[in-house]
């Protein structure tokens, strides 16, 4: 279980870094008016707005289960599987909509 806890701590660090960098990138992009049309602005806003709850859930999950005193119980596995599914959908949305639109501009 110590290995799993260490992996969860590493994942927490990587998730925080990734989410922070993503927020900064979106902020900078929104300031570049020549690259952002109305459609792209709406996509970015939709992505950010609908992802807020997932971010909070993810960070709470990682914070809770990376602690050494919290067991990796059935709730852990249920929540983990749910989060993986949600994140896979979000990544697909990001790649199919945001990145394709960004690469075209």
C-alpha atoms as a PDB file:
ATOM      1  CA  UNK A   1       0.000   0.000   0.000  1.00  0.00           C
ATOM      2  CA  UNK A   2       2.957   2.353   0.565  1.00  0.00           C
ATOM      3  CA  UNK A   3       3.732   2.227  -3.151  1.00  0.00           C
ATOM      4  CA  UNK A   4       0.155   3.147  -4.017  1.00  0.00           C
ATOM      5  CA  UNK A   5       0.224   6.071  -1.577  1.00  0.00           C
ATOM      6  CA  UNK A   6       3.485   7.323  -3.084  1.00  0.00           C
ATOM      7  CA  UNK A   7       1.957   7.071  -6.565  1.00  0.00           C
ATOM      8  CA  UNK A   8      -1.097   9.011  -5.402  1.00  0.00           C
ATOM      9  CA  UNK A   9       1.141  11.728  -3.960  1.00  0.00           C
ATOM     10  CA  UNK A  10       3.030  11.930  -7.252  1.00  0.00           C
ATOM     11  CA  UNK A  11      -0.254  12.050  -9.155  1.00  0.00           C
ATOM     12  CA  UNK A  12      -1.472  14.863  -6.901  1.00  0.00           C
ATOM     13  CA  UNK A  13       1.642  16.910  -7.636  1.00  0.00           C
ATOM     14  CA  UNK A  14       1.368  16.274 -11.373  1.00  0.00           C
ATOM     15  CA  UNK A  15      -2.352  17.091 -11.386  1.00  0.00           C
ATOM     16  CA  UNK A  16      -1.859  20.393  -9.569  1.00  0.00           C
ATOM     17  CA  UNK A  17       0.965  21.352 -11.943  1.00  0.00           C
ATOM     18  CA  UNK A  18      -1.028  20.383 -15.027  1.00  0.00           C
ATOM     19  CA  UNK A  19      -4.219  22.138 -13.945  1.00  0.00           C
ATOM     20  CA  UNK A  20      -2.338  25.278 -12.976  1.00  0.00           C
ATOM     21  CA  UNK A  21      -0.448  25.352 -16.288  1.00  0.00           C
ATOM     22  CA  UNK A  22      -3.677  24.760 -18.186  1.00  0.00           C
ATOM     23  CA  UNK A  23      -5.412  27.639 -16.398  1.00  0.00           C
ATOM     24  CA  UNK A  24      -2.460  29.928 -17.118  1.00  0.00           C
ATOM     25  CA  UNK A  25      -2.393  28.867 -20.775  1.00  0.00           C
ATOM     26  CA  UNK A  26      -6.120  29.521 -21.184  1.00  0.00           C
ATOM     27  CA  UNK A  27      -5.772  32.895 -19.465  1.00  0.00           C
ATOM     28  CA  UNK A  28      -2.919  33.915 -21.770  1.00  0.00           C
ATOM     29  CA  UNK A  29      -4.762  32.645 -24.807  1.00  0.00           C
ATOM     30  CA  UNK A  30      -7.866  34.659 -23.946  1.00  0.00           C
ATOM     31  CA  UNK A  31      -5.671  37.776 -23.898  1.00  0.00           C
ATOM     32  CA  UNK A  32      -4.552  37.109 -27.492  1.00  0.00           C
ATOM     33  CA  UNK A  33      -7.569  38.563 -29.252  1.00  0.00           C
ATOM     34  CA  UNK A  34      -6.139  37.848 -32.700  1.00  0.00           C
ATOM     35  CA  UNK A  35      -6.137  34.088 -31.982  1.00  0.00           C
ATOM     36  CA  UNK A  36      -9.448  33.836 -30.134  1.00  0.00           C
ATOM     37  CA  UNK A  37     -12.690  34.103 -32.030  1.00  0.00           C
ATOM     38  CA  UNK A  38     -16.125  33.863 -30.439  1.00  0.00           C
ATOM     39  CA  UNK A  39     -16.378  30.104 -30.982  1.00  0.00           C
ATOM     40  CA  UNK A  40     -13.020  29.399 -29.351  1.00  0.00           C
ATOM     41  CA  UNK A  41     -13.817  31.729 -26.477  1.00  0.00           C
ATOM     42  CA  UNK A  42     -17.068  29.832 -25.886  1.00  0.00           C
ATOM     43  CA  UNK A  43     -15.259  26.474 -26.003  1.00  0.00           C
ATOM     44  CA  UNK A  44     -12.686  27.628 -23.466  1.00  0.00           C
ATOM     45  CA  UNK A  45     -15.351  29.066 -21.186  1.00  0.00           C
ATOM     46  CA  UNK A  46     -17.457  25.904 -21.434  1.00  0.00           C
ATOM     47  CA  UNK A  47     -14.455  23.721 -20.709  1.00  0.00           C
ATOM     48  CA  UNK A  48     -13.412  25.781 -17.698  1.00  0.00           C
ATOM     49  CA  UNK A  49     -16.933  26.147 -16.304  1.00  0.00           C
ATOM     50  CA  UNK A  50     -17.911  22.497 -16.619  1.00  0.00           C
ATOM     51  CA  UNK A  51     -14.554  21.272 -15.336  1.00  0.00           C
ATOM     52  CA  UNK A  52     -14.571  23.238 -12.063  1.00  0.00           C
ATOM     53  CA  UNK A  53     -16.456  20.557 -10.152  1.00  0.00           C
ATOM     54  CA  UNK A  54     -14.295  17.780 -11.547  1.00  0.00           C
ATOM     55  CA  UNK A  55     -11.140  19.640 -10.533  1.00  0.00           C
ATOM     56  CA  UNK A  56     -12.435  20.049  -7.002  1.00  0.00           C
ATOM     57  CA  UNK A  57     -13.477  16.397  -6.786  1.00  0.00           C
ATOM     58  CA  UNK A  58     -10.129  15.250  -8.170  1.00  0.00           C
ATOM     59  CA  UNK A  59      -8.090  17.380  -5.793  1.00  0.00           C
ATOM     60  CA  UNK A  60     -10.192  16.343  -2.779  1.00  0.00           C
ATOM     61  CA  UNK A  61      -9.855  12.697  -3.806  1.00  0.00           C
ATOM     62  CA  UNK A  62      -6.080  12.917  -4.166  1.00  0.00           C
ATOM     63  CA  UNK A  63      -5.713  14.880  -0.948  1.00  0.00           C
ATOM     64  CA  UNK A  64      -7.773  12.366   0.989  1.00  0.00           C
ATOM     65  CA  UNK A  65      -6.403   9.113  -0.383  1.00  0.00           C
ATOM     66  CA  UNK A  66      -2.737  10.122  -0.538  1.00  0.00           C
ATOM     67  CA  UNK A  67      -2.707  10.460   3.259  1.00  0.00           C
ATOM     68  CA  UNK A  68      -1.048   7.449   4.900  1.00  0.00           C
ATOM     69  CA  UNK A  69      -3.864   6.955   7.436  1.00  0.00           C
ATOM     70  CA  UNK A  70      -6.688   6.660   4.870  1.00  0.00           C
ATOM     71  CA  UNK A  71      -7.324   3.134   3.552  1.00  0.00           C
ATOM     72  CA  UNK A  72      -7.761   2.400  -0.119  1.00  0.00           C
ATOM     73  CA  UNK A  73     -11.249   1.000   0.372  1.00  0.00           C
ATOM     74  CA  UNK A  74     -14.204   0.302  -1.924  1.00  0.00           C
ATOM     75  CA  UNK A  75     -15.059   4.030  -2.004  1.00  0.00           C
ATOM     76  CA  UNK A  76     -11.541   4.732  -3.252  1.00  0.00           C
ATOM     77  CA  UNK A  77     -11.921   2.322  -6.163  1.00  0.00           C
ATOM     78  CA  UNK A  78     -15.431   3.507  -7.038  1.00  0.00           C
ATOM     79  CA  UNK A  79     -14.395   7.165  -7.015  1.00  0.00           C
ATOM     80  CA  UNK A  80     -11.149   6.404  -8.853  1.00  0.00           C
ATOM     81  CA  UNK A  81     -12.978   4.590 -11.655  1.00  0.00           C
ATOM     82  CA  UNK A  82     -15.542   7.382 -11.935  1.00  0.00           C
ATOM     83  CA  UNK A  83     -12.822  10.039 -12.089  1.00  0.00           C
ATOM     84  CA  UNK A  84     -10.871   8.130 -14.722  1.00  0.00           C
ATOM     85  CA  UNK A  85     -13.984   7.976 -16.905  1.00  0.00           C
ATOM     86  CA  UNK A  86     -14.741  11.672 -16.466  1.00  0.00           C
ATOM     87  CA  UNK A  87     -11.136  12.686 -17.133  1.00  0.00           C
ATOM     88  CA  UNK A  88     -11.006  10.526 -20.268  1.00  0.00           C
ATOM     89  CA  UNK A  89     -14.123  12.318 -21.563  1.00  0.00           C
ATOM     90  CA  UNK A  90     -12.653  15.712 -20.725  1.00  0.00           C
ATOM     91  CA  UNK A  91      -9.368  14.916 -22.462  1.00  0.00           C
ATOM     92  CA  UNK A  92     -11.258  13.767 -25.568  1.00  0.00           C
ATOM     93  CA  UNK A  93     -13.308  16.990 -25.516  1.00  0.00           C
ATOM     94  CA  UNK A  94     -10.172  19.060 -25.134  1.00  0.00           C
ATOM     95  CA  UNK A  95      -8.364  17.298 -27.973  1.00  0.00           C
ATOM     96  CA  UNK A  96     -11.323  17.193 -30.377  1.00  0.00           C
ATOM     97  CA  UNK A  97     -12.535  20.726 -29.790  1.00  0.00           C
ATOM     98  CA  UNK A  98      -9.992  23.018 -28.215  1.00  0.00           C
ATOM     99  CA  UNK A  99      -6.746  21.731 -29.653  1.00  0.00           C
ATOM    100  CA  UNK A 100      -8.135  21.232 -33.137  1.00  0.00           C
ATOM    101  CA  UNK A 101      -9.481  24.798 -33.080  1.00  0.00           C
ATOM    102  CA  UNK A 102      -6.179  26.161 -31.723  1.00  0.00           C
ATOM    103  CA  UNK A 103      -4.097  24.382 -34.336  1.00  0.00           C
ATOM    104  CA  UNK A 104      -6.334  25.808 -37.075  1.00  0.00           C
ATOM    105  CA  UNK A 105      -5.886  29.387 -35.879  1.00  0.00           C
END
